[in-house]
Amino acid sequence: MPESIRIGDYVRSPAASGLDATGYAEFGEFELADFLTCWDALHDDALQVVPARIHPTAQIHPTAIIAEDSIIGPGVRVHEFSTVRKRSVLAAGVSVGFGCEVTHSFVGENTVLGHQVGIGHSLIGTDAHLSANLVIAAISLWNYDMRVPIKEIVLHGPGDEPPYRCTTSRFGGLIGDHVQTGSTITLGPGIAVGRHSVIAASVCMGSTIVPAASVVRSSSSEVIIETRRI
């Protein structure tokens, strides 16, 4: 398990999104846990310097909801009944399909979100394609009160190495450039997927580091029921 996860090893910094004067222009240099710690402040600073919070070339459907603290880049398309909120960034050329929810996330240039995609507290790379009915969860199910999460998100690699600690109770995923997914997938909380990887339909996976250029499939139909420890 790496002691450090560098965002730039997964996600390229935006180059054509009007974010040159903001911390997002160099966020690829951040170590993941460090970025998650300062993300809110970095975004609030960006809101003060971007030329336009919603770029004039963006196409926002009248039924879509864009929060006042979100940044929408040039050429972005947000389709019917989608919501973008809580300090989110859609970089240049992003397409958000019907009925999506993007919460406190960065979506990289030219990435496509299919219909009914939900992502929270996540960083998505450039030229990724996330197909319909995909969810990236951000809060651990093992919190006693999901409304007030306290359980830290961690990432596990192969073997018995110590987990990578994200230092936050809210983190969905770090999804690399050119990642492609099938439909009906649940990822997170806490996942890092390397560049050029493919995740097949029906995968449910969290707390995992996936190397670059991997193929992830689901092959088990077993259901396990056991007593919960409280």
Protein backbone atom coordinates (compact mmCIF):
# COMPACT_ATOMS: atom_id res chain seq x y z
CA MET A 1 0.00 0.00 0.00
CA PRO A 2 1.53 3.37 -0.96
CA GLU A 3 2.08 5.80 1.88
CA SER A 4 1.07 8.56 -0.52
CA ILE A 5 -1.46 8.82 -3.36
CA ARG A 6 -0.65 11.67 -5.74
CA ILE A 7 -3.73 12.96 -7.55
CA GLY A 8 -1.71 13.64 -10.72
CA ASP A 9 -0.89 9.94 -11.04
CA TYR A 10 -4.62 9.39 -11.67
CA VAL A 11 -6.18 12.66 -12.84
CA ARG A 12 -4.73 15.33 -15.11
CA SER A 13 -5.11 18.96 -14.02
CA PRO A 14 -7.56 20.97 -16.17
CA ALA A 15 -5.97 22.87 -19.05
CA ALA A 16 -8.85 24.57 -20.89
CA SER A 17 -11.48 25.25 -18.26
CA GLY A 18 -10.81 28.83 -17.17
CA LEU A 19 -9.30 27.61 -13.90
CA ASP A 20 -5.73 28.78 -14.56
CA ALA A 21 -5.73 31.27 -11.67
CA THR A 22 -7.17 28.79 -9.18
CA GLY A 23 -5.79 25.95 -7.10
CA TYR A 24 -7.48 23.48 -9.45
CA ALA A 25 -4.89 24.32 -12.12
CA GLU A 26 -2.25 22.50 -10.08
CA PHE A 27 -4.30 20.07 -8.06
CA GLY A 28 -2.52 17.17 -9.76
CA GLU A 29 0.48 18.00 -7.57
CA PHE A 30 -1.50 17.39 -4.37
CA GLU A 31 -1.31 14.31 -2.22
CA LEU A 32 -4.88 13.00 -1.95
CA ALA A 33 -5.40 13.32 1.81
CA ASP A 34 -3.88 16.82 1.78
CA PHE A 35 -6.22 17.91 -1.00
CA LEU A 36 -9.28 16.54 0.76
CA THR A 37 -8.31 18.53 3.86
CA CYS A 38 -8.08 21.87 2.03
CA TRP A 39 -10.63 21.26 -0.75
CA ASP A 40 -13.36 23.55 0.62
CA ALA A 41 -10.99 26.48 1.07
CA LEU A 42 -9.40 25.94 -2.36
CA HIS A 43 -12.82 25.93 -4.01
CA ASP A 44 -14.02 29.03 -2.16
CA ASP A 45 -10.89 30.85 -3.32
CA ALA A 46 -11.56 29.71 -6.90
CA LEU A 47 -15.07 31.18 -6.78
CA GLN A 48 -13.53 34.60 -6.14
CA VAL A 49 -11.31 34.59 -9.23
CA VAL A 50 -13.04 32.62 -12.02
CA PRO A 51 -14.17 34.97 -14.82
CA ALA A 52 -17.66 33.41 -14.84
CA ARG A 53 -19.11 30.87 -12.46
CA ILE A 54 -21.15 29.43 -15.34
CA HIS A 55 -19.34 29.85 -18.66
CA PRO A 56 -21.51 31.54 -21.31
CA THR A 57 -21.01 28.60 -23.72
CA ALA A 58 -22.38 26.05 -21.22
CA GLN A 59 -25.80 24.57 -22.02
CA ILE A 60 -27.93 24.05 -18.91
CA HIS A 61 -31.40 22.56 -19.36
CA PRO A 62 -34.14 24.63 -17.67
CA THR A 63 -35.04 21.73 -15.39
CA ALA A 64 -31.45 21.29 -14.15
CA ILE A 65 -30.35 22.80 -10.83
CA ILE A 66 -26.92 24.43 -10.50
CA ALA A 67 -25.94 25.54 -7.00
CA GLU A 68 -24.48 29.01 -6.53
CA ASP A 69 -21.22 27.55 -5.22
CA SER A 70 -20.56 25.35 -8.28
CA ILE A 71 -18.33 26.16 -11.27
CA ILE A 72 -19.40 25.19 -14.80
CA GLY A 73 -16.76 25.35 -17.54
CA PRO A 74 -16.90 26.10 -21.27
CA GLY A 75 -18.90 23.78 -23.51
CA VAL A 76 -20.46 21.87 -20.59
CA ARG A 77 -23.88 20.29 -21.15
CA VAL A 78 -26.21 19.49 -18.23
CA HIS A 79 -29.34 17.64 -19.27
CA GLU A 80 -32.86 17.38 -17.83
CA PHE A 81 -33.51 17.04 -14.09
CA SER A 82 -29.84 16.90 -13.08
CA THR A 83 -28.38 18.63 -10.03
CA VAL A 84 -24.87 20.04 -9.54
CA ARG A 85 -24.22 21.27 -6.02
CA LYS A 86 -21.99 21.76 -2.98
CA ARG A 87 -18.75 23.14 -4.43
CA SER A 88 -18.71 21.01 -7.57
CA VAL A 89 -16.68 21.72 -10.71
CA LEU A 90 -17.58 20.58 -14.22
CA ALA A 91 -14.52 21.19 -16.37
CA ALA A 92 -14.61 22.06 -20.08
CA GLY A 93 -16.64 19.78 -22.33
CA VAL A 94 -18.27 17.69 -19.59
CA SER A 95 -21.63 16.12 -20.45
CA VAL A 96 -24.05 15.32 -17.61
CA GLY A 97 -26.97 13.10 -18.63
CA PHE A 98 -30.60 12.94 -17.53
CA GLY A 99 -31.34 12.75 -13.81
CA CYS A 100 -27.78 12.89 -12.45
CA GLU A 101 -26.61 14.24 -9.09
CA VAL A 102 -23.11 15.67 -8.69
CA THR A 103 -22.27 16.65 -5.12
CA HIS A 104 -19.00 18.25 -4.01
CA SER A 105 -17.10 16.67 -6.90
CA PHE A 106 -14.62 17.61 -9.62
CA VAL A 107 -15.38 16.21 -13.08
CA GLY A 108 -12.50 16.45 -15.57
CA GLU A 109 -12.48 17.77 -19.11
CA ASN A 110 -14.59 15.98 -21.76
CA THR A 111 -15.88 13.37 -19.31
CA VAL A 112 -19.35 11.90 -19.87
CA LEU A 113 -21.78 11.04 -17.08
CA GLY A 114 -24.58 8.83 -18.40
CA HIS A 115 -28.17 8.95 -17.21
CA GLN A 116 -28.94 8.72 -13.49
CA VAL A 117 -25.35 8.84 -12.30
CA GLY A 118 -24.76 9.93 -8.71
CA ILE A 119 -21.30 10.96 -7.51
CA GLY A 120 -20.35 12.49 -4.18
CA HIS A 121 -17.10 13.97 -2.84
CA SER A 122 -15.15 12.53 -5.77
CA LEU A 123 -12.47 13.47 -8.29
CA ILE A 124 -13.11 12.24 -11.84
CA GLY A 125 -10.44 12.43 -14.54
CA THR A 126 -10.47 13.63 -18.15
CA ASP A 127 -12.11 11.72 -21.01
CA ALA A 128 -13.78 9.25 -18.62
CA HIS A 129 -17.12 7.65 -19.44
CA LEU A 130 -19.37 6.65 -16.53
CA SER A 131 -22.42 4.79 -17.81
CA ALA A 132 -26.02 4.87 -16.59
CA ASN A 133 -27.09 4.00 -13.06
CA LEU A 134 -23.65 4.34 -11.50
CA VAL A 135 -23.23 5.58 -7.92
CA ILE A 136 -20.05 6.65 -6.14
CA ALA A 137 -20.92 6.71 -2.45
CA ALA A 138 -19.06 9.01 -0.06
CA ILE A 139 -20.09 7.93 3.44
CA SER A 140 -19.41 4.60 5.12
CA LEU A 141 -22.44 2.42 5.81
CA TRP A 142 -20.89 1.54 9.18
CA ASN A 143 -21.56 4.94 10.76
CA TYR A 144 -24.11 4.73 13.54
CA ASP A 145 -25.77 7.91 12.22
CA MET A 146 -25.37 8.39 8.46
CA ARG A 147 -26.38 12.04 8.85
CA VAL A 148 -23.32 12.73 11.01
CA PRO A 149 -20.56 10.48 9.67
CA ILE A 150 -17.47 10.02 11.80
CA LYS A 151 -15.89 6.85 10.38
CA GLU A 152 -12.74 7.70 8.43
CA ILE A 153 -12.58 6.55 4.81
CA VAL A 154 -9.62 4.29 4.05
CA LEU A 155 -8.29 2.53 0.95
CA HIS A 156 -7.00 -1.03 0.95
CA GLY A 157 -4.53 -2.64 -1.42
CA PRO A 158 -3.55 -6.29 -1.81
CA GLY A 159 -1.81 -8.05 1.04
CA ASP A 160 -1.58 -7.08 4.69
CA GLU A 161 -0.17 -3.58 4.30
CA PRO A 162 -1.73 -0.81 6.42
CA PRO A 163 -4.62 1.01 4.69
CA TYR A 164 -4.26 4.45 3.14
CA ARG A 165 -6.02 6.94 5.40
CA CYS A 166 -8.01 9.69 3.69
CA THR A 167 -8.31 11.78 6.92
CA THR A 168 -12.00 12.47 6.22
CA SER A 169 -15.33 10.78 6.80
CA ARG A 170 -16.60 11.90 3.37
CA PHE A 171 -14.82 10.68 0.24
CA GLY A 172 -16.18 8.83 -2.76
CA GLY A 173 -13.49 8.07 -5.30
CA LEU A 174 -10.48 9.11 -7.34
CA ILE A 175 -11.37 7.94 -10.85
CA GLY A 176 -8.54 8.20 -13.33
CA ASP A 177 -8.36 9.66 -16.84
CA HIS A 178 -9.95 7.53 -19.60
CA VAL A 179 -11.70 5.17 -17.18
CA GLN A 180 -14.80 3.49 -18.65
CA THR A 181 -17.61 1.82 -16.74
CA GLY A 182 -20.62 -0.32 -17.54
CA SER A 183 -24.07 0.25 -16.07
CA THR A 184 -25.56 -0.39 -12.63
CA ILE A 185 -22.33 -0.05 -10.64
CA THR A 186 -21.72 1.01 -7.04
CA LEU A 187 -18.27 2.29 -6.08
CA GLY A 188 -16.90 3.61 -2.79
CA PRO A 189 -16.86 5.01 -0.28
CA GLY A 190 -13.15 5.28 -0.85
CA ILE A 191 -11.83 3.95 -4.15
CA ALA A 192 -8.96 4.88 -6.47
CA VAL A 193 -9.12 3.62 -10.07
CA GLY A 194 -6.06 3.97 -12.26
CA ARG A 195 -6.03 5.46 -15.75
CA HIS A 196 -7.42 3.50 -18.73
CA SER A 197 -9.19 0.97 -16.50
CA VAL A 198 -12.54 -0.64 -17.35
CA ILE A 199 -15.18 -1.59 -14.78
CA ALA A 200 -17.81 -4.01 -16.07
CA ALA A 201 -21.53 -3.81 -15.33
CA SER A 202 -22.93 -4.76 -11.90
CA VAL A 203 -19.66 -4.35 -9.97
CA CYS A 204 -20.00 -3.27 -6.33
CA MET A 205 -16.66 -2.29 -4.84
CA GLY A 206 -15.19 0.12 -2.31
CA SER A 207 -12.15 0.82 -0.13
CA THR A 208 -9.89 -0.42 -2.95
CA ILE A 209 -6.98 0.75 -5.07
CA VAL A 210 -7.29 -0.45 -8.69
CA PRO A 211 -4.05 -0.27 -10.73
CA ALA A 212 -3.95 1.51 -14.08
CA ALA A 213 -5.13 -0.39 -17.16
CA SER A 214 -7.12 -2.92 -15.11
CA VAL A 215 -10.35 -4.74 -15.98
CA VAL A 216 -12.76 -5.24 -13.06
CA ARG A 217 -15.60 -7.78 -13.34
CA SER A 218 -18.19 -9.21 -10.98
CA SER A 219 -18.57 -13.00 -11.05
CA SER A 220 -20.02 -14.00 -7.66
CA SER A 221 -23.73 -14.44 -7.01
CA GLU A 222 -23.30 -15.52 -3.38
CA VAL A 223 -25.28 -13.65 -0.72
CA ILE A 224 -24.02 -13.75 2.88
CA ILE A 225 -26.26 -12.92 5.86
CA GLU A 226 -24.70 -12.52 9.29
CA THR A 227 -25.38 -10.83 12.60
CA ARG A 228 -24.35 -7.19 12.80
CA ARG A 229 -22.03 -6.23 15.64
CA ILE A 230 -23.02 -2.97 17.35
